Each structure stands twice: as structure tokens, then as C-alpha cells.
Amino acid sequence: MRKQSYERTVKLWASATDTYAWAHRTGEGWPCSTLSGRRFFAEFQDGNLVDFSLNGGRGPQDCDAHELNAFVEDAFGTSRPGEASL
């Protein structure tokens, strides 16, 4: 997994291995995962998702939003990365 943080923007690249390992964690797995085994890129600005692609934009681009939020929260410690703290 690769992360880049800027002042108001955060980018996340997750490999198919990353998503598989995350979805199959012991005691914390994600049954019926829509991300498992798929790579993705996500970009957040001010805590909002502004760009997203699965498998480089090839094939279906649907995934479960709750699952994506959980993955992002595990990666960054928040479900809204890049958001300015108040």
C-alpha cells in the first residue's frame, strides 16, 4: 500500500494483495468483500472522495462504500483523510 499526503489532499494506492489481506484478517475479516483481490486508487480532498478507480479502471468499478470507508479508516485512522482538523 502506498499513501501520499499533501496539505488538503491524500492519495491511496492499494494492491490486490493489500485488499485480500485486509478482507481476510483473522477475527476482523470482511465477508463477501467487493475489494478483496482487486487493486484500487483513491484520492481525497478536504475529506471528500474526488477520484477512484478499481483495477486501473478496467472492468466493473462498483464496490461497497462501507467496505471502502472501513479500508480507508484502517489505512489512515480516519474515514475522511485530508480533512482539516477543527
N, C-alpha and C. Protein backbone atom coordinates (compact mmCIF):
# COMPACT_ATOMS: atom_id res chain seq x y z
N MET A 1 0.85 -1.16 0.00
CA MET A 1 0.00 0.00 0.00
C MET A 1 0.90 1.23 0.00
N ARG A 2 0.47 2.20 -0.77
CA ARG A 2 1.24 3.45 -0.86
C ARG A 2 0.30 4.62 -0.54
N LYS A 3 0.79 5.56 0.26
CA LYS A 3 0.00 6.72 0.64
C LYS A 3 0.82 7.98 0.38
N GLN A 4 0.15 9.02 -0.08
CA GLN A 4 0.77 10.33 -0.22
C GLN A 4 -0.16 11.34 0.41
N SER A 5 0.40 12.21 1.25
CA SER A 5 -0.39 13.25 1.90
C SER A 5 0.16 14.60 1.53
N TYR A 6 -0.74 15.49 1.20
CA TYR A 6 -0.41 16.87 0.91
C TYR A 6 -1.20 17.72 1.90
N GLU A 7 -1.20 19.02 1.73
CA GLU A 7 -1.89 19.88 2.67
C GLU A 7 -3.38 19.53 2.81
N ARG A 8 -4.09 19.43 1.72
CA ARG A 8 -5.53 19.16 1.74
C ARG A 8 -5.91 17.91 0.96
N THR A 9 -4.93 17.21 0.41
CA THR A 9 -5.20 16.07 -0.46
C THR A 9 -4.44 14.84 0.03
N VAL A 10 -5.10 13.70 -0.05
CA VAL A 10 -4.49 12.43 0.32
C VAL A 10 -4.76 11.45 -0.81
N LYS A 11 -3.74 10.67 -1.19
CA LYS A 11 -3.89 9.66 -2.24
C LYS A 11 -3.51 8.30 -1.66
N LEU A 12 -4.25 7.28 -2.07
CA LEU A 12 -4.02 5.92 -1.57
C LEU A 12 -4.05 4.95 -2.73
N TRP A 13 -3.00 4.15 -2.83
CA TRP A 13 -2.94 3.06 -3.80
C TRP A 13 -2.88 1.76 -3.00
N ALA A 14 -3.77 0.83 -3.27
CA ALA A 14 -3.78 -0.46 -2.59
C ALA A 14 -3.68 -1.56 -3.64
N SER A 15 -2.80 -2.51 -3.41
CA SER A 15 -2.63 -3.62 -4.35
C SER A 15 -3.68 -4.69 -4.10
N ALA A 16 -3.77 -5.63 -5.03
CA ALA A 16 -4.67 -6.77 -4.85
C ALA A 16 -4.28 -7.57 -3.61
N THR A 17 -3.00 -7.67 -3.34
CA THR A 17 -2.52 -8.36 -2.13
C THR A 17 -2.96 -7.62 -0.88
N ASP A 18 -2.87 -6.28 -0.89
CA ASP A 18 -3.31 -5.47 0.26
C ASP A 18 -4.78 -5.69 0.56
N THR A 19 -5.62 -5.62 -0.47
CA THR A 19 -7.06 -5.74 -0.24
C THR A 19 -7.45 -7.16 0.18
N TYR A 20 -6.76 -8.16 -0.38
CA TYR A 20 -7.03 -9.55 0.02
C TYR A 20 -6.66 -9.75 1.49
N ALA A 21 -5.47 -9.30 1.87
CA ALA A 21 -5.02 -9.47 3.26
C ALA A 21 -5.96 -8.74 4.22
N TRP A 22 -6.39 -7.54 3.86
CA TRP A 22 -7.28 -6.77 4.72
C TRP A 22 -8.63 -7.48 4.88
N ALA A 23 -9.19 -7.97 3.80
CA ALA A 23 -10.51 -8.61 3.83
C ALA A 23 -10.51 -9.96 4.55
N HIS A 24 -9.34 -10.58 4.69
CA HIS A 24 -9.26 -11.91 5.29
C HIS A 24 -8.50 -11.92 6.62
N ARG A 25 -8.49 -10.79 7.32
CA ARG A 25 -7.83 -10.73 8.63
C ARG A 25 -8.55 -11.63 9.63
N THR A 26 -7.81 -12.29 10.47
CA THR A 26 -8.38 -13.17 11.48
C THR A 26 -9.21 -12.35 12.47
N GLY A 27 -10.46 -12.72 12.62
CA GLY A 27 -11.34 -12.06 13.57
C GLY A 27 -11.86 -10.70 13.13
N GLU A 28 -11.35 -10.17 12.05
CA GLU A 28 -11.79 -8.86 11.58
C GLU A 28 -12.03 -8.85 10.07
N GLY A 29 -12.22 -10.01 9.50
CA GLY A 29 -12.39 -10.11 8.05
C GLY A 29 -13.65 -9.43 7.55
N TRP A 30 -13.74 -9.29 6.25
CA TRP A 30 -14.89 -8.67 5.62
C TRP A 30 -15.54 -9.70 4.71
N PRO A 31 -16.56 -10.43 5.23
CA PRO A 31 -17.22 -11.46 4.42
C PRO A 31 -17.85 -10.86 3.16
N CYS A 32 -17.83 -11.57 2.09
CA CYS A 32 -18.40 -11.12 0.81
C CYS A 32 -17.77 -9.81 0.34
N SER A 33 -16.48 -9.67 0.55
CA SER A 33 -15.76 -8.45 0.17
C SER A 33 -15.86 -8.17 -1.32
N THR A 34 -16.08 -6.89 -1.66
CA THR A 34 -16.08 -6.47 -3.06
C THR A 34 -14.73 -5.88 -3.46
N LEU A 35 -13.83 -5.69 -2.46
CA LEU A 35 -12.49 -5.17 -2.74
C LEU A 35 -11.42 -6.25 -2.77
N SER A 36 -11.66 -7.35 -2.11
CA SER A 36 -10.66 -8.40 -1.95
C SER A 36 -10.09 -8.85 -3.29
N GLY A 37 -8.77 -8.82 -3.39
CA GLY A 37 -8.10 -9.26 -4.61
C GLY A 37 -8.14 -8.27 -5.75
N ARG A 38 -8.59 -7.06 -5.48
CA ARG A 38 -8.66 -6.02 -6.52
C ARG A 38 -7.81 -4.84 -6.07
N ARG A 39 -7.08 -4.25 -6.99
CA ARG A 39 -6.29 -3.07 -6.64
C ARG A 39 -7.14 -1.83 -6.86
N PHE A 40 -6.82 -0.77 -6.11
CA PHE A 40 -7.56 0.47 -6.31
C PHE A 40 -6.72 1.69 -6.01
N PHE A 41 -7.18 2.80 -6.55
CA PHE A 41 -6.61 4.12 -6.29
C PHE A 41 -7.75 5.00 -5.78
N ALA A 42 -7.49 5.76 -4.74
CA ALA A 42 -8.48 6.70 -4.22
C ALA A 42 -7.78 8.00 -3.87
N GLU A 43 -8.43 9.11 -4.20
CA GLU A 43 -7.91 10.43 -3.86
C GLU A 43 -8.98 11.19 -3.08
N PHE A 44 -8.56 11.80 -1.99
CA PHE A 44 -9.46 12.56 -1.13
C PHE A 44 -8.97 13.99 -1.04
N GLN A 45 -9.89 14.94 -1.10
CA GLN A 45 -9.54 16.34 -0.90
C GLN A 45 -10.52 16.90 0.12
N ASP A 46 -9.98 17.51 1.17
CA ASP A 46 -10.79 18.04 2.26
C ASP A 46 -11.75 16.99 2.82
N GLY A 47 -11.30 15.74 2.85
CA GLY A 47 -12.10 14.65 3.40
C GLY A 47 -13.12 14.05 2.46
N ASN A 48 -13.21 14.54 1.24
CA ASN A 48 -14.17 14.03 0.26
C ASN A 48 -13.48 13.21 -0.82
N LEU A 49 -14.08 12.11 -1.20
CA LEU A 49 -13.56 11.28 -2.28
C LEU A 49 -13.74 12.02 -3.60
N VAL A 50 -12.62 12.30 -4.29
CA VAL A 50 -12.69 13.04 -5.56
C VAL A 50 -12.26 12.21 -6.77
N ASP A 51 -11.58 11.09 -6.53
CA ASP A 51 -11.17 10.22 -7.64
C ASP A 51 -11.06 8.80 -7.12
N PHE A 52 -11.49 7.83 -7.93
CA PHE A 52 -11.46 6.43 -7.51
C PHE A 52 -11.44 5.55 -8.75
N SER A 53 -10.62 4.51 -8.73
CA SER A 53 -10.67 3.50 -9.80
C SER A 53 -10.26 2.15 -9.24
N LEU A 54 -10.93 1.12 -9.72
CA LEU A 54 -10.62 -0.27 -9.38
C LEU A 54 -9.90 -0.91 -10.56
N ASN A 55 -8.85 -1.65 -10.27
CA ASN A 55 -8.10 -2.37 -11.30
C ASN A 55 -7.73 -1.49 -12.47
N GLY A 56 -7.28 -0.28 -12.18
CA GLY A 56 -6.84 0.63 -13.22
C GLY A 56 -7.95 1.11 -14.14
N GLY A 57 -9.20 1.02 -13.67
CA GLY A 57 -10.34 1.47 -14.48
C GLY A 57 -10.87 0.41 -15.43
N ARG A 58 -10.30 -0.79 -15.37
CA ARG A 58 -10.76 -1.88 -16.25
C ARG A 58 -11.83 -2.70 -15.54
N GLY A 59 -12.87 -3.01 -16.24
CA GLY A 59 -13.93 -3.84 -15.67
C GLY A 59 -14.87 -3.04 -14.78
N PRO A 60 -15.74 -3.76 -14.06
CA PRO A 60 -16.71 -3.09 -13.19
C PRO A 60 -16.01 -2.22 -12.14
N GLN A 61 -16.57 -1.06 -11.88
CA GLN A 61 -15.98 -0.12 -10.93
C GLN A 61 -16.78 -0.04 -9.63
N ASP A 62 -17.70 -0.96 -9.44
CA ASP A 62 -18.53 -0.95 -8.24
C ASP A 62 -17.84 -1.63 -7.07
N CYS A 63 -17.99 -1.04 -5.90
CA CYS A 63 -17.58 -1.68 -4.66
C CYS A 63 -18.48 -1.16 -3.55
N ASP A 64 -18.49 -1.86 -2.45
CA ASP A 64 -19.32 -1.48 -1.32
C ASP A 64 -18.71 -0.25 -0.64
N ALA A 65 -19.49 0.83 -0.52
CA ALA A 65 -18.98 2.08 0.06
C ALA A 65 -18.59 1.91 1.52
N HIS A 66 -19.33 1.11 2.27
CA HIS A 66 -19.00 0.88 3.67
C HIS A 66 -17.66 0.16 3.80
N GLU A 67 -17.44 -0.78 2.91
CA GLU A 67 -16.17 -1.51 2.91
C GLU A 67 -15.01 -0.58 2.55
N LEU A 68 -15.19 0.25 1.54
CA LEU A 68 -14.14 1.21 1.18
C LEU A 68 -13.85 2.15 2.34
N ASN A 69 -14.89 2.66 3.00
CA ASN A 69 -14.69 3.53 4.16
C ASN A 69 -13.92 2.83 5.26
N ALA A 70 -14.24 1.56 5.52
CA ALA A 70 -13.55 0.80 6.56
C ALA A 70 -12.08 0.59 6.20
N PHE A 71 -11.80 0.28 4.94
CA PHE A 71 -10.41 0.10 4.49
C PHE A 71 -9.63 1.40 4.68
N VAL A 72 -10.22 2.52 4.24
CA VAL A 72 -9.56 3.82 4.34
C VAL A 72 -9.33 4.20 5.81
N GLU A 73 -10.31 3.93 6.65
CA GLU A 73 -10.16 4.24 8.08
C GLU A 73 -9.03 3.41 8.69
N ASP A 74 -8.92 2.14 8.32
CA ASP A 74 -7.82 1.32 8.81
C ASP A 74 -6.47 1.83 8.30
N ALA A 75 -6.43 2.33 7.08
CA ALA A 75 -5.18 2.81 6.49
C ALA A 75 -4.74 4.15 7.09
N PHE A 76 -5.70 5.04 7.37
CA PHE A 76 -5.36 6.40 7.80
C PHE A 76 -5.79 6.74 9.22
N GLY A 77 -6.59 5.89 9.85
CA GLY A 77 -7.08 6.20 11.19
C GLY A 77 -8.29 7.14 11.16
N THR A 78 -8.80 7.44 9.97
CA THR A 78 -9.99 8.26 9.81
C THR A 78 -10.66 7.87 8.50
N SER A 79 -11.98 8.03 8.44
CA SER A 79 -12.67 7.72 7.19
C SER A 79 -12.72 8.94 6.27
N ARG A 80 -12.17 10.08 6.73
CA ARG A 80 -12.17 11.31 5.92
C ARG A 80 -10.76 11.89 5.85
N PRO A 81 -9.82 11.19 5.20
CA PRO A 81 -8.45 11.69 5.14
C PRO A 81 -8.37 12.99 4.35
N GLY A 82 -7.43 13.82 4.75
CA GLY A 82 -7.24 15.10 4.06
C GLY A 82 -8.13 16.20 4.59
N GLU A 83 -9.02 15.85 5.51
CA GLU A 83 -9.91 16.86 6.08
C GLU A 83 -9.15 17.65 7.13
N ALA A 84 -9.27 18.96 7.06
CA ALA A 84 -8.60 19.82 8.04
C ALA A 84 -9.23 19.61 9.40
N SER A 85 -8.40 19.52 10.42
CA SER A 85 -8.94 19.37 11.77
C SER A 85 -9.45 20.72 12.27
N LEU A 86 -10.53 20.67 13.03
CA LEU A 86 -11.14 21.91 13.53
C LEU A 86 -10.52 22.33 14.83
